[in-house]
Amino acid sequence: MTELLHLLATEADEIATVSALVQDMTVKAGEAGYAPRQHRLVLLGNRFRWEAPEPPTRVRAALRFEHVLKVERREWPDEPHAVLPLLAITVEPGDGPDGLPRLVLGFGGGAALRLTVDSIDLLLEDIAGPWGASAVPDHRLAD
């Protein structure tokens, strides 16, 4: 039986682990939803299972960010079916005038989401079993 991930990050230094596990997760632009009243951002996508790369598989996963006060978008597509590969989640320290940390989700093609949070509270949860992936993502630079 395949283990499904359920991982919580509440400290800045834990974000790198989650980021590595969601690298190359594909997200449709319309499957990123912000609920301002609940201070929550949720992304649904297909996560490459880096923790078990042989044979290559993907799994349906959710990323849930709590305590989100503001979401800023850069180069976010208007087309809800546009597929965006998530490259990394990084933390910007809270050194601005408000002192609040920011989480930056960088996607392929220059798209990004910048979240202002009053505390780090991120849940990565696999929500369906794995299926065969057509290829392993490759990040080598072209010769």
Protein backbone atom coordinates (compact mmCIF):
# COMPACT_ATOMS: atom_id res chain seq x y z
CA MET A 1 0.00 0.00 0.00
CA THR A 2 1.25 3.49 -0.88
CA GLU A 3 1.73 6.00 1.90
CA LEU A 4 0.03 9.35 1.33
CA LEU A 5 1.79 12.41 2.71
CA HIS A 6 0.24 14.59 5.38
CA LEU A 7 2.83 17.19 6.35
CA LEU A 8 2.47 20.36 8.44
CA ALA A 9 4.96 23.25 8.41
CA THR A 10 4.72 25.93 11.09
CA GLU A 11 8.28 27.31 11.07
CA ALA A 12 10.21 29.11 8.34
CA ASP A 13 12.94 26.45 8.28
CA GLU A 14 10.34 23.73 7.55
CA ILE A 15 9.23 25.40 4.29
CA ALA A 16 12.28 24.08 2.38
CA THR A 17 11.19 20.48 3.04
CA VAL A 18 7.67 21.11 1.79
CA SER A 19 9.04 23.04 -1.18
CA ALA A 20 11.20 20.08 -2.22
CA LEU A 21 8.22 17.73 -2.03
CA VAL A 22 5.97 19.96 -4.16
CA GLN A 23 8.58 20.92 -6.75
CA ASP A 24 7.03 20.25 -10.18
CA MET A 25 3.49 19.98 -8.80
CA THR A 26 1.24 21.07 -11.65
CA VAL A 27 -1.57 23.43 -10.70
CA LYS A 28 -4.33 24.77 -12.93
CA ALA A 29 -4.70 28.52 -12.47
CA GLY A 30 -8.37 28.04 -11.57
CA GLU A 31 -7.50 25.52 -8.83
CA ALA A 32 -5.88 28.14 -6.64
CA GLY A 33 -8.50 29.64 -4.37
CA TYR A 34 -8.21 32.39 -1.77
CA ALA A 35 -10.87 32.75 0.92
CA PRO A 36 -10.14 36.15 2.51
CA ARG A 37 -12.66 35.79 5.34
CA GLN A 38 -11.12 32.47 6.38
CA HIS A 39 -7.57 33.78 5.72
CA ARG A 40 -6.90 30.64 3.67
CA LEU A 41 -5.33 29.89 0.30
CA VAL A 42 -5.71 26.40 -1.16
CA LEU A 43 -4.05 24.99 -4.25
CA LEU A 44 -4.99 21.64 -5.78
CA GLY A 45 -2.61 19.92 -8.13
CA ASN A 46 -0.78 16.85 -9.30
CA ARG A 47 2.38 16.35 -7.25
CA PHE A 48 5.37 14.40 -8.54
CA ARG A 49 6.36 11.96 -5.81
CA TRP A 50 10.02 12.88 -5.30
CA GLU A 51 10.11 10.75 -2.16
CA ALA A 52 9.44 7.63 -4.31
CA PRO A 53 10.76 8.39 -7.83
CA GLU A 54 10.92 4.78 -9.09
CA PRO A 55 8.72 4.07 -10.88
CA PRO A 56 7.75 7.72 -11.55
CA THR A 57 4.32 8.55 -10.14
CA ARG A 58 2.14 11.55 -9.38
CA VAL A 59 -0.54 11.98 -6.75
CA ARG A 60 -3.41 14.46 -6.34
CA ALA A 61 -2.47 16.83 -3.53
CA ALA A 62 -3.67 19.93 -1.73
CA LEU A 63 -1.55 22.75 -0.34
CA ARG A 64 -3.38 24.74 2.32
CA PHE A 65 -2.00 27.99 3.70
CA GLU A 66 -3.67 29.42 6.83
CA HIS A 67 -3.43 32.90 8.40
CA VAL A 68 -3.12 34.54 4.97
CA LEU A 69 -3.78 38.27 5.19
CA LYS A 70 -3.03 39.18 1.57
CA VAL A 71 -2.33 37.45 -1.76
CA GLU A 72 -0.47 39.23 -4.55
CA ARG A 73 -0.27 37.71 -8.04
CA ARG A 74 2.39 38.22 -10.67
CA GLU A 75 1.87 37.14 -14.28
CA TRP A 76 -1.02 34.93 -13.18
CA PRO A 77 -2.95 33.62 -16.23
CA ASP A 78 -6.56 34.64 -16.80
CA GLU A 79 -7.32 31.24 -18.34
CA PRO A 80 -8.45 28.94 -15.48
CA HIS A 81 -7.22 25.80 -17.29
CA ALA A 82 -3.66 27.12 -17.74
CA VAL A 83 -1.28 24.61 -16.15
CA LEU A 84 1.49 26.04 -13.98
CA PRO A 85 4.42 23.99 -12.63
CA LEU A 86 5.24 24.96 -9.05
CA LEU A 87 9.00 25.45 -8.81
CA ALA A 88 9.54 26.49 -5.20
CA ILE A 89 8.08 27.95 -2.03
CA THR A 90 10.37 30.45 -0.31
CA VAL A 91 10.14 32.63 2.78
CA GLU A 92 10.82 36.36 2.77
CA PRO A 93 11.63 37.49 6.30
CA GLY A 94 9.31 39.96 7.94
CA ASP A 95 11.69 42.88 7.72
CA GLY A 96 9.20 45.33 6.21
CA PRO A 97 7.28 47.98 8.12
CA ASP A 98 4.58 45.48 9.15
CA GLY A 99 7.14 42.87 10.31
CA LEU A 100 5.08 40.03 8.79
CA PRO A 101 6.67 37.15 6.87
CA ARG A 102 5.79 36.48 3.24
CA LEU A 103 5.67 33.17 1.44
CA VAL A 104 6.44 33.25 -2.27
CA LEU A 105 5.23 30.48 -4.56
CA GLY A 106 7.24 30.60 -7.78
CA PHE A 107 5.81 28.92 -10.87
CA GLY A 108 7.23 28.22 -14.31
CA GLY A 109 6.87 31.01 -16.85
CA GLY A 110 7.34 33.74 -14.25
CA ALA A 111 3.99 33.41 -12.48
CA ALA A 112 4.06 33.83 -8.71
CA LEU A 113 1.89 34.20 -5.64
CA ARG A 114 3.15 36.24 -2.69
CA LEU A 115 1.34 35.60 0.57
CA THR A 116 1.50 37.93 3.55
CA VAL A 117 0.86 35.77 6.62
CA ASP A 118 0.63 36.54 10.30
CA SER A 119 2.13 33.11 11.05
CA ILE A 120 3.38 30.16 9.03
CA ASP A 121 0.83 27.39 8.84
CA LEU A 122 1.07 25.22 5.72
CA LEU A 123 -0.39 21.77 5.18
CA LEU A 124 0.60 19.47 2.32
CA GLU A 125 -1.84 16.62 1.99
CA ASP A 126 -2.06 13.89 -0.64
CA ILE A 127 -5.75 13.32 -1.32
CA ALA A 128 -5.72 10.42 -3.81
CA GLY A 129 -3.53 7.45 -4.62
CA PRO A 130 -0.66 7.60 -7.11
CA TRP A 131 -0.73 6.92 -10.84
CA GLY A 132 2.06 6.45 -13.35
CA ALA A 133 3.83 9.61 -14.51
CA SER A 134 4.91 9.87 -18.13
CA ALA A 135 8.36 11.23 -17.20
CA VAL A 136 10.58 12.40 -14.38
CA PRO A 137 10.86 16.22 -14.32
CA ASP A 138 14.29 17.34 -15.53
CA HIS A 139 15.87 20.59 -14.36
CA ARG A 140 19.22 20.32 -16.10
CA LEU A 141 20.21 23.31 -18.18
CA ALA A 142 20.29 22.74 -21.92
CA ASP A 143 23.76 22.39 -23.43
